[in-house]
């Protein structure tokens, strides 16, 4: 268990450094989210495409 001073220091560094914060958010939040949305979109379009083909044949 680290002492509270170093923990506070680390938290302060991360919270008050917007570059690190945005980088972390981008890495851990937006990348998986973006991938997930892309997969969903691909699935959706593939599904729609299939159904339109089925409709026309």
N, C-alpha and C. Protein backbone atom coordinates (compact mmCIF):
# COMPACT_ATOMS: atom_id res chain seq x y z
N UNK A 1 0.85 -1.21 0.00
CA UNK A 1 0.00 0.00 0.00
C UNK A 1 0.88 1.25 0.00
N UNK A 2 0.82 2.05 -1.06
CA UNK A 2 1.66 3.26 -1.10
C UNK A 2 1.12 4.35 -0.18
N UNK A 3 2.01 5.22 0.22
CA UNK A 3 1.57 6.31 1.10
C UNK A 3 0.72 7.30 0.32
N UNK A 4 -0.12 8.00 1.05
CA UNK A 4 -1.12 8.86 0.42
C UNK A 4 -0.49 10.03 -0.32
N UNK A 5 0.70 10.45 0.12
CA UNK A 5 1.32 11.59 -0.54
C UNK A 5 1.64 11.25 -2.00
N UNK A 6 2.26 10.11 -2.24
CA UNK A 6 2.61 9.75 -3.61
C UNK A 6 1.36 9.50 -4.45
N UNK A 7 0.35 8.92 -3.83
CA UNK A 7 -0.91 8.70 -4.55
C UNK A 7 -1.50 10.04 -4.95
N UNK A 8 -1.55 10.97 -4.04
CA UNK A 8 -2.07 12.31 -4.35
C UNK A 8 -1.25 12.98 -5.44
N UNK A 9 0.04 12.79 -5.38
CA UNK A 9 0.92 13.38 -6.39
C UNK A 9 0.58 12.82 -7.77
N UNK A 10 0.46 11.52 -7.84
CA UNK A 10 0.15 10.88 -9.13
C UNK A 10 -1.20 11.34 -9.64
N UNK A 11 -2.20 11.35 -8.75
CA UNK A 11 -3.54 11.79 -9.14
C UNK A 11 -3.50 13.23 -9.64
N UNK A 12 -2.78 14.06 -8.90
CA UNK A 12 -2.66 15.46 -9.30
C UNK A 12 -2.00 15.59 -10.66
N UNK A 13 -0.95 14.83 -10.86
CA UNK A 13 -0.25 14.89 -12.15
C UNK A 13 -1.19 14.50 -13.28
N UNK A 14 -1.95 13.44 -13.07
CA UNK A 14 -2.82 12.96 -14.13
C UNK A 14 -4.01 13.88 -14.36
N UNK A 15 -4.58 14.37 -13.28
CA UNK A 15 -5.78 15.18 -13.42
C UNK A 15 -5.45 16.55 -14.01
N UNK A 16 -4.34 17.11 -13.59
CA UNK A 16 -4.02 18.47 -14.02
C UNK A 16 -3.14 18.52 -15.25
N UNK A 17 -2.87 17.38 -15.83
CA UNK A 17 -2.17 17.37 -17.10
C UNK A 17 -3.17 16.97 -18.17
N UNK A 18 -3.75 17.93 -18.86
CA UNK A 18 -4.83 17.62 -19.82
C UNK A 18 -4.35 16.75 -20.98
N UNK A 19 -3.08 16.90 -21.33
CA UNK A 19 -2.59 16.09 -22.43
C UNK A 19 -2.64 14.60 -22.08
N UNK A 20 -2.13 14.26 -20.90
CA UNK A 20 -2.15 12.86 -20.47
C UNK A 20 -3.58 12.38 -20.32
N UNK A 21 -4.42 13.23 -19.74
CA UNK A 21 -5.81 12.83 -19.52
C UNK A 21 -6.51 12.54 -20.85
N UNK A 22 -6.37 13.45 -21.80
CA UNK A 22 -7.04 13.23 -23.08
C UNK A 22 -6.45 12.02 -23.80
N UNK A 23 -5.14 11.84 -23.67
CA UNK A 23 -4.51 10.68 -24.29
C UNK A 23 -5.04 9.39 -23.70
N UNK A 24 -5.15 9.36 -22.38
CA UNK A 24 -5.67 8.17 -21.71
C UNK A 24 -7.11 7.91 -22.13
N UNK A 25 -7.92 8.97 -22.12
CA UNK A 25 -9.32 8.81 -22.52
C UNK A 25 -9.40 8.30 -23.95
N UNK A 26 -8.59 8.89 -24.82
CA UNK A 26 -8.62 8.48 -26.22
C UNK A 26 -8.21 7.01 -26.35
N UNK A 27 -7.19 6.63 -25.61
CA UNK A 27 -6.70 5.26 -25.74
C UNK A 27 -7.69 4.25 -25.19
N UNK A 28 -8.15 4.49 -23.98
CA UNK A 28 -8.91 3.46 -23.29
C UNK A 28 -10.41 3.56 -23.51
N UNK A 29 -10.87 4.71 -23.97
CA UNK A 29 -12.31 4.85 -24.16
C UNK A 29 -12.66 4.85 -25.64
N UNK A 30 -12.05 5.77 -26.38
CA UNK A 30 -12.50 5.99 -27.76
C UNK A 30 -12.04 4.91 -28.71
N UNK A 31 -10.87 4.32 -28.47
CA UNK A 31 -10.43 3.29 -29.40
C UNK A 31 -11.33 2.06 -29.38
N UNK A 32 -11.58 1.46 -28.22
CA UNK A 32 -12.50 0.31 -28.21
C UNK A 32 -13.91 0.71 -28.64
N UNK A 33 -14.34 1.89 -28.22
CA UNK A 33 -15.67 2.34 -28.60
C UNK A 33 -15.77 2.49 -30.12
N UNK A 34 -14.76 3.09 -30.70
CA UNK A 34 -14.75 3.30 -32.14
C UNK A 34 -14.77 1.96 -32.87
N UNK A 35 -13.94 1.03 -32.39
CA UNK A 35 -13.91 -0.29 -33.01
C UNK A 35 -15.27 -0.96 -32.90
N UNK A 36 -15.84 -0.88 -31.71
CA UNK A 36 -17.14 -1.50 -31.48
C UNK A 36 -18.20 -0.91 -32.41
N UNK A 37 -18.21 0.41 -32.53
CA UNK A 37 -19.20 1.07 -33.39
C UNK A 37 -18.98 0.69 -34.85
N UNK A 38 -17.72 0.59 -35.24
CA UNK A 38 -17.43 0.18 -36.61
C UNK A 38 -17.97 -1.21 -36.88
N UNK A 39 -17.75 -2.12 -35.95
CA UNK A 39 -18.24 -3.49 -36.11
C UNK A 39 -19.75 -3.49 -36.20
N UNK A 40 -20.39 -2.74 -35.32
CA UNK A 40 -21.85 -2.67 -35.35
C UNK A 40 -22.35 -2.13 -36.68
N UNK A 41 -21.70 -1.07 -37.16
CA UNK A 41 -22.11 -0.46 -38.40
C UNK A 41 -21.95 -1.44 -39.56
N UNK A 42 -20.81 -2.13 -39.58
CA UNK A 42 -20.58 -3.12 -40.64
C UNK A 42 -21.65 -4.19 -40.61
N UNK A 43 -21.93 -4.68 -39.42
CA UNK A 43 -22.97 -5.70 -39.26
C UNK A 43 -24.31 -5.21 -39.77
N UNK A 44 -24.64 -4.01 -39.36
CA UNK A 44 -25.93 -3.43 -39.72
C UNK A 44 -26.05 -3.32 -41.24
N UNK A 45 -25.00 -2.77 -41.86
CA UNK A 45 -25.06 -2.59 -43.31
C UNK A 45 -25.07 -3.92 -44.04
N UNK A 46 -24.32 -4.88 -43.52
CA UNK A 46 -24.30 -6.19 -44.15
C UNK A 46 -25.70 -6.81 -44.06
N UNK A 47 -26.29 -6.67 -42.89
CA UNK A 47 -27.63 -7.22 -42.70
C UNK A 47 -28.63 -6.56 -43.64
N UNK A 48 -28.59 -5.23 -43.71
CA UNK A 48 -29.51 -4.52 -44.60
C UNK A 48 -29.27 -4.92 -46.04
N UNK A 49 -28.01 -5.04 -46.40
CA UNK A 49 -27.65 -5.40 -47.75
C UNK A 49 -28.23 -6.78 -48.10
N UNK A 50 -28.06 -7.71 -47.20
CA UNK A 50 -28.59 -9.06 -47.41
C UNK A 50 -30.11 -9.02 -47.59
N UNK A 51 -30.77 -8.28 -46.73
CA UNK A 51 -32.24 -8.26 -46.80
C UNK A 51 -32.71 -7.61 -48.10
N UNK A 52 -32.00 -6.56 -48.55
CA UNK A 52 -32.41 -5.96 -49.83
C UNK A 52 -32.19 -6.93 -50.98
N UNK A 53 -31.08 -7.65 -50.93
CA UNK A 53 -30.82 -8.65 -51.98
C UNK A 53 -31.93 -9.71 -51.94
N UNK A 54 -32.27 -10.15 -50.78
CA UNK A 54 -33.33 -11.15 -50.65
C UNK A 54 -34.67 -10.63 -51.17
N UNK A 55 -34.88 -9.35 -50.95
CA UNK A 55 -36.12 -8.74 -51.42
C UNK A 55 -36.18 -8.75 -52.95
N UNK A 56 -35.03 -8.48 -53.57
CA UNK A 56 -35.04 -8.33 -55.03
C UNK A 56 -34.95 -9.65 -55.77
N UNK A 57 -34.48 -10.69 -55.12
CA UNK A 57 -34.34 -11.97 -55.84
C UNK A 57 -35.59 -12.83 -55.68
